[in-house]
N, C-alpha and C. Protein backbone atom coordinates (compact mmCIF):
# COMPACT_ATOMS: atom_id res chain seq x y z
N MET A 1 -90.46 -31.59 -64.85
CA MET A 1 -91.13 -32.56 -65.58
C MET A 1 -91.96 -31.92 -66.64
N GLY A 2 -92.84 -31.34 -66.21
CA GLY A 2 -93.85 -30.73 -67.37
C GLY A 2 -95.23 -30.67 -66.95
N LEU A 3 -96.06 -29.99 -67.58
CA LEU A 3 -97.39 -29.79 -67.20
C LEU A 3 -98.34 -31.06 -67.33
N GLY A 4 -98.07 -31.80 -68.50
CA GLY A 4 -98.62 -33.00 -68.64
C GLY A 4 -98.52 -34.03 -67.45
N TRP A 5 -97.27 -34.04 -67.08
CA TRP A 5 -96.79 -34.90 -65.67
C TRP A 5 -97.88 -34.32 -64.72
N ASP A 6 -97.51 -33.17 -64.40
CA ASP A 6 -98.10 -32.34 -63.10
C ASP A 6 -99.66 -32.69 -63.01
N THR A 7 -100.23 -32.83 -64.14
CA THR A 7 -101.79 -32.82 -64.21
C THR A 7 -102.08 -34.34 -64.50
N ASN A 8 -101.15 -35.38 -64.41
CA ASN A 8 -101.40 -36.61 -64.63
C ASN A 8 -102.07 -37.00 -65.96
N TYR A 9 -101.34 -36.23 -66.89
CA TYR A 9 -102.07 -36.25 -68.41
C TYR A 9 -103.33 -35.65 -68.55
N TYR A 10 -103.53 -34.58 -67.93
CA TYR A 10 -104.90 -33.77 -67.95
C TYR A 10 -106.26 -34.62 -67.46
N THR A 11 -105.93 -35.32 -66.34
CA THR A 11 -107.04 -36.15 -65.94
C THR A 11 -107.25 -35.69 -64.46
N LYS A 12 -106.40 -34.83 -63.82
CA LYS A 12 -106.70 -34.33 -62.59
C LYS A 12 -107.97 -33.41 -62.56
N PRO A 13 -108.82 -33.46 -61.52
CA PRO A 13 -109.91 -32.67 -61.57
C PRO A 13 -109.68 -31.23 -61.19
N VAL A 14 -108.65 -30.94 -60.34
CA VAL A 14 -108.24 -29.65 -59.93
C VAL A 14 -106.77 -29.42 -60.23
N VAL A 15 -106.53 -28.31 -60.70
CA VAL A 15 -105.00 -28.06 -60.87
C VAL A 15 -104.69 -26.62 -60.15
N VAL A 16 -103.84 -26.52 -59.48
CA VAL A 16 -103.44 -25.27 -58.74
C VAL A 16 -101.89 -24.90 -59.38
N ARG A 17 -101.74 -23.86 -59.97
CA ARG A 17 -100.43 -23.27 -60.49
C ARG A 17 -99.93 -21.97 -59.68
N VAL A 18 -98.90 -21.94 -59.28
CA VAL A 18 -98.37 -20.62 -58.45
C VAL A 18 -97.32 -20.00 -59.50
N TYR A 19 -97.37 -18.65 -59.75
CA TYR A 19 -96.53 -18.25 -60.52
C TYR A 19 -95.78 -16.76 -59.87
N LYS A 20 -94.45 -16.76 -60.04
CA LYS A 20 -93.63 -15.47 -59.73
C LYS A 20 -94.14 -14.45 -60.63
N ALA A 21 -93.92 -13.07 -60.11
CA ALA A 21 -94.25 -11.85 -60.96
C ALA A 21 -93.39 -11.90 -62.10
N ASN A 22 -92.32 -12.55 -62.22
CA ASN A 22 -91.66 -12.48 -63.70
C ASN A 22 -91.85 -13.60 -64.60
N GLU A 23 -92.90 -14.58 -64.05
CA GLU A 23 -93.05 -15.61 -65.13
C GLU A 23 -94.33 -15.55 -65.72
N THR A 24 -94.60 -14.48 -66.51
CA THR A 24 -95.87 -14.27 -67.17
C THR A 24 -95.67 -15.15 -68.35
N GLY A 25 -94.49 -15.32 -69.15
CA GLY A 25 -94.65 -16.25 -70.19
C GLY A 25 -95.00 -17.77 -69.88
N ARG A 26 -94.53 -18.15 -68.88
CA ARG A 26 -94.84 -19.56 -68.23
C ARG A 26 -96.23 -19.49 -68.10
N MET A 27 -96.74 -18.55 -67.39
CA MET A 27 -98.18 -18.49 -66.96
C MET A 27 -99.07 -18.59 -68.31
N GLU A 28 -98.79 -17.63 -69.34
CA GLU A 28 -99.37 -17.67 -70.64
C GLU A 28 -99.58 -19.16 -71.24
N ARG A 29 -98.42 -19.69 -71.34
CA ARG A 29 -98.21 -20.87 -72.00
C ARG A 29 -99.09 -21.96 -71.42
N GLU A 30 -98.88 -22.04 -70.02
CA GLU A 30 -99.64 -23.19 -69.28
C GLU A 30 -101.22 -23.01 -69.25
N MET A 31 -101.61 -21.81 -69.21
CA MET A 31 -102.97 -21.27 -69.34
C MET A 31 -103.51 -21.65 -70.61
N SER A 32 -102.86 -21.47 -71.72
CA SER A 32 -103.26 -21.77 -73.12
C SER A 32 -103.57 -23.22 -73.20
N GLU A 33 -102.41 -24.22 -72.62
CA GLU A 33 -102.51 -25.34 -72.73
C GLU A 33 -103.53 -26.07 -71.83
N LEU A 34 -103.72 -25.60 -70.61
CA LEU A 34 -104.90 -26.06 -69.78
C LEU A 34 -106.20 -25.86 -70.14
N LEU A 35 -106.38 -24.49 -70.86
CA LEU A 35 -107.61 -24.22 -71.42
C LEU A 35 -108.05 -25.13 -72.76
N ALA A 36 -106.97 -25.41 -73.48
CA ALA A 36 -107.05 -26.22 -74.87
C ALA A 36 -107.39 -27.53 -74.13
N ASN A 37 -107.11 -28.17 -73.16
CA ASN A 37 -107.36 -29.48 -72.61
C ASN A 37 -108.57 -29.61 -71.64
N GLY A 38 -109.42 -28.78 -71.71
CA GLY A 38 -110.56 -28.87 -71.04
C GLY A 38 -110.72 -28.29 -69.41
N TYR A 39 -109.92 -27.49 -69.21
CA TYR A 39 -109.81 -26.84 -67.77
C TYR A 39 -110.41 -25.45 -68.09
N GLN A 40 -110.99 -24.95 -66.93
CA GLN A 40 -111.44 -23.56 -66.86
C GLN A 40 -110.90 -22.87 -65.67
N ILE A 41 -110.85 -21.72 -65.53
CA ILE A 41 -110.26 -20.89 -64.51
C ILE A 41 -111.46 -20.74 -63.41
N GLN A 42 -111.17 -21.52 -62.32
CA GLN A 42 -112.02 -21.38 -61.04
C GLN A 42 -111.81 -20.09 -60.20
N GLY A 43 -110.53 -19.89 -60.02
CA GLY A 43 -110.26 -18.78 -59.18
C GLY A 43 -108.82 -18.19 -59.39
N GLN A 44 -108.38 -16.94 -58.82
CA GLN A 44 -107.08 -16.48 -58.95
C GLN A 44 -106.89 -15.79 -57.72
N SER A 45 -105.64 -15.70 -57.04
CA SER A 45 -105.41 -14.84 -55.94
C SER A 45 -103.91 -14.22 -56.09
N GLY A 46 -103.51 -13.28 -55.53
CA GLY A 46 -102.21 -12.76 -55.63
C GLY A 46 -101.65 -12.31 -54.10
N THR A 47 -100.28 -12.35 -54.04
CA THR A 47 -99.85 -11.94 -52.76
C THR A 47 -98.76 -10.82 -53.06
N GLY A 48 -98.80 -9.80 -52.26
CA GLY A 48 -97.97 -8.63 -52.22
C GLY A 48 -98.20 -7.66 -53.55
N SER A 49 -99.41 -7.87 -53.88
CA SER A 49 -99.77 -6.99 -55.06
C SER A 49 -101.17 -6.60 -55.09
N HIS A 50 -101.79 -5.63 -55.74
CA HIS A 50 -103.08 -4.92 -55.69
C HIS A 50 -103.87 -5.85 -57.01
N VAL A 51 -104.42 -6.96 -56.74
CA VAL A 51 -105.01 -7.80 -57.84
C VAL A 51 -106.49 -7.64 -57.64
N ASN A 52 -107.34 -7.04 -58.47
CA ASN A 52 -108.91 -7.25 -58.50
C ASN A 52 -109.22 -8.57 -59.20
N VAL A 53 -109.32 -9.47 -58.28
CA VAL A 53 -109.58 -10.79 -58.61
C VAL A 53 -110.79 -10.94 -59.79
N GLY A 54 -111.90 -10.31 -59.45
CA GLY A 54 -113.03 -10.41 -60.36
C GLY A 54 -112.76 -9.97 -61.77
N ARG A 55 -112.07 -8.88 -62.00
CA ARG A 55 -111.80 -8.17 -63.13
C ARG A 55 -110.70 -8.71 -63.96
N THR A 56 -109.70 -9.53 -63.04
CA THR A 56 -108.47 -10.18 -63.72
C THR A 56 -109.05 -11.43 -64.42
N VAL A 57 -109.94 -12.03 -63.63
CA VAL A 57 -110.29 -13.52 -64.37
C VAL A 57 -111.43 -13.29 -65.40
N SER A 58 -112.15 -12.28 -65.31
CA SER A 58 -113.32 -12.13 -66.15
C SER A 58 -112.35 -11.51 -67.54
N GLY A 59 -111.58 -10.72 -67.37
CA GLY A 59 -110.81 -10.31 -68.46
C GLY A 59 -110.13 -11.37 -69.05
N ALA A 60 -109.47 -12.35 -68.25
CA ALA A 60 -108.42 -13.43 -68.97
C ALA A 60 -109.55 -14.40 -69.57
N VAL A 61 -110.77 -14.60 -69.10
CA VAL A 61 -111.67 -15.54 -69.88
C VAL A 61 -111.97 -15.11 -71.05
N LEU A 62 -112.28 -13.51 -71.19
CA LEU A 62 -112.80 -12.96 -72.51
C LEU A 62 -111.80 -12.85 -73.45
N THR A 63 -110.60 -12.69 -72.88
CA THR A 63 -109.34 -12.44 -73.72
C THR A 63 -108.47 -13.67 -74.12
N GLY A 64 -108.98 -14.71 -73.50
CA GLY A 64 -108.18 -16.02 -73.82
C GLY A 64 -106.72 -16.04 -72.81
N GLY A 65 -106.73 -15.23 -71.82
CA GLY A 65 -105.59 -15.14 -70.95
C GLY A 65 -104.75 -14.08 -71.31
N LEU A 66 -104.82 -13.36 -72.55
CA LEU A 66 -104.04 -12.16 -72.76
C LEU A 66 -104.02 -11.13 -71.90
N SER A 67 -105.07 -10.85 -71.22
CA SER A 67 -105.06 -9.75 -70.23
C SER A 67 -104.21 -9.95 -69.00
N LEU A 68 -104.03 -11.28 -68.46
CA LEU A 68 -103.05 -11.52 -67.50
C LEU A 68 -101.74 -11.20 -67.61
N LEU A 69 -101.25 -10.85 -69.04
CA LEU A 69 -99.77 -10.39 -69.13
C LEU A 69 -99.72 -9.09 -68.61
N PHE A 70 -100.63 -8.28 -68.86
CA PHE A 70 -100.50 -6.98 -68.40
C PHE A 70 -100.93 -6.74 -66.81
N GLY A 71 -101.50 -7.25 -66.36
CA GLY A 71 -101.81 -7.40 -64.91
C GLY A 71 -100.69 -8.02 -64.11
N ALA A 72 -100.06 -9.09 -64.45
CA ALA A 72 -99.22 -9.79 -63.81
C ALA A 72 -97.66 -9.06 -63.84
N SER A 73 -97.60 -8.59 -64.99
CA SER A 73 -96.15 -7.98 -65.22
C SER A 73 -96.06 -6.75 -64.53
N ARG A 74 -97.02 -6.02 -63.91
CA ARG A 74 -96.79 -5.01 -63.13
C ARG A 74 -96.92 -5.17 -61.55
N SER A 75 -97.29 -6.57 -61.05
CA SER A 75 -97.56 -7.06 -59.87
C SER A 75 -96.17 -7.55 -59.19
N SER A 76 -96.10 -7.48 -57.89
CA SER A 76 -95.20 -8.24 -57.35
C SER A 76 -95.59 -9.28 -56.46
N GLY A 77 -94.66 -10.28 -56.10
CA GLY A 77 -95.28 -11.27 -55.12
C GLY A 77 -95.51 -12.43 -56.18
N THR A 78 -96.58 -13.14 -55.80
CA THR A 78 -97.19 -14.49 -56.60
C THR A 78 -98.40 -14.47 -57.02
N GLN A 79 -98.70 -15.19 -58.00
CA GLN A 79 -100.05 -15.35 -58.51
C GLN A 79 -100.66 -16.76 -58.50
N THR A 80 -101.67 -17.05 -57.79
CA THR A 80 -102.05 -18.30 -57.72
C THR A 80 -103.33 -18.54 -58.49
N ILE A 81 -103.25 -19.58 -59.47
CA ILE A 81 -104.51 -19.66 -60.35
C ILE A 81 -104.86 -21.19 -60.35
N THR A 82 -106.24 -21.36 -59.99
CA THR A 82 -106.79 -22.52 -59.76
C THR A 82 -107.82 -22.80 -60.96
N TYR A 83 -107.45 -24.12 -61.59
CA TYR A 83 -108.01 -24.54 -62.86
C TYR A 83 -109.00 -25.75 -62.34
N VAL A 84 -110.17 -25.97 -62.99
CA VAL A 84 -111.01 -27.13 -62.77
C VAL A 84 -111.35 -27.60 -64.04
N LYS A 85 -111.25 -29.06 -63.95
CA LYS A 85 -111.61 -29.79 -65.35
C LYS A 85 -112.97 -29.82 -65.65
N THR A 86 -113.47 -29.27 -66.82
CA THR A 86 -114.95 -29.38 -67.32
C THR A 86 -115.39 -30.84 -67.14
N ILE A 87 -116.70 -30.83 -67.14
CA ILE A 87 -117.12 -32.32 -66.83
C ILE A 87 -117.12 -33.05 -68.47
N ASN A 88 -117.63 -32.36 -69.34
CA ASN A 88 -117.69 -32.96 -70.72
C ASN A 88 -116.44 -32.77 -71.54
N ALA A 89 -115.20 -32.33 -70.85
CA ALA A 89 -114.01 -32.34 -71.74
C ALA A 89 -113.62 -33.71 -72.05
N LYS A 90 -112.92 -33.79 -73.30
CA LYS A 90 -112.20 -34.96 -73.63
C LYS A 90 -110.76 -34.88 -73.37
N THR A 91 -110.35 -35.89 -72.56
CA THR A 91 -108.90 -35.96 -72.29
C THR A 91 -108.05 -36.65 -73.32
N PRO A 92 -106.97 -36.06 -73.60
CA PRO A 92 -106.07 -36.58 -74.52
C PRO A 92 -105.54 -37.89 -74.04
N PRO A 93 -105.14 -38.89 -74.97
CA PRO A 93 -104.54 -39.95 -74.29
C PRO A 93 -103.11 -39.74 -73.80
N ALA A 94 -102.57 -40.58 -72.96
CA ALA A 94 -101.25 -40.32 -72.41
C ALA A 94 -100.29 -40.73 -73.64
N PRO A 95 -99.21 -40.17 -73.72
CA PRO A 95 -98.26 -40.50 -74.64
C PRO A 95 -97.83 -41.93 -74.47
N LYS A 96 -97.59 -42.58 -75.89
CA LYS A 96 -97.23 -43.93 -75.82
C LYS A 96 -95.80 -43.92 -76.07
N LYS A 97 -95.30 -45.06 -75.74
CA LYS A 97 -93.77 -45.33 -75.92
C LYS A 97 -93.49 -45.54 -77.55
N PRO A 98 -92.34 -45.03 -78.12
CA PRO A 98 -92.15 -45.22 -79.41
C PRO A 98 -91.71 -46.53 -79.69
N LYS A 99 -92.27 -46.86 -80.83
CA LYS A 99 -92.04 -48.36 -81.23
C LYS A 99 -90.51 -48.30 -81.85
N ARG A 100 -89.72 -49.52 -81.35
CA ARG A 100 -88.43 -49.64 -82.15
C ARG A 100 -88.32 -50.18 -83.44
N ILE A 101 -87.62 -49.73 -84.45
CA ILE A 101 -87.66 -50.09 -85.66
C ILE A 101 -86.20 -50.73 -85.78
N PHE A 102 -86.33 -52.17 -86.12
CA PHE A 102 -84.98 -52.77 -86.36
C PHE A 102 -84.65 -52.92 -87.91
N GLY A 103 -83.64 -52.76 -88.14
CA GLY A 103 -83.19 -52.79 -89.66
C GLY A 103 -83.44 -51.55 -90.41
N ALA A 104 -83.77 -50.61 -89.98
CA ALA A 104 -84.27 -49.47 -90.86
C ALA A 104 -83.12 -48.44 -90.82
């Protein structure tokens, strides 16, 4: 479906995303989209790898998520990232149905 659908068009207060070790591209895209729509990273955990959560999350916040590319690409297992909607964030409106144009 898509990230907008999964987050109820960015209105859910908490969003949890799980990524496999080889899905760094998807993780980076979703992180950028969620941060742009008013979410912040609440926490991160990994399975089957050596992940320093505090260092990884603080590095991700400072670099806009770019540092996660390097940590996730070397780890095995999965990574779970929890995002929380900020209170004063503006939620974009849900997409509208396109209007039909007759005779055009």
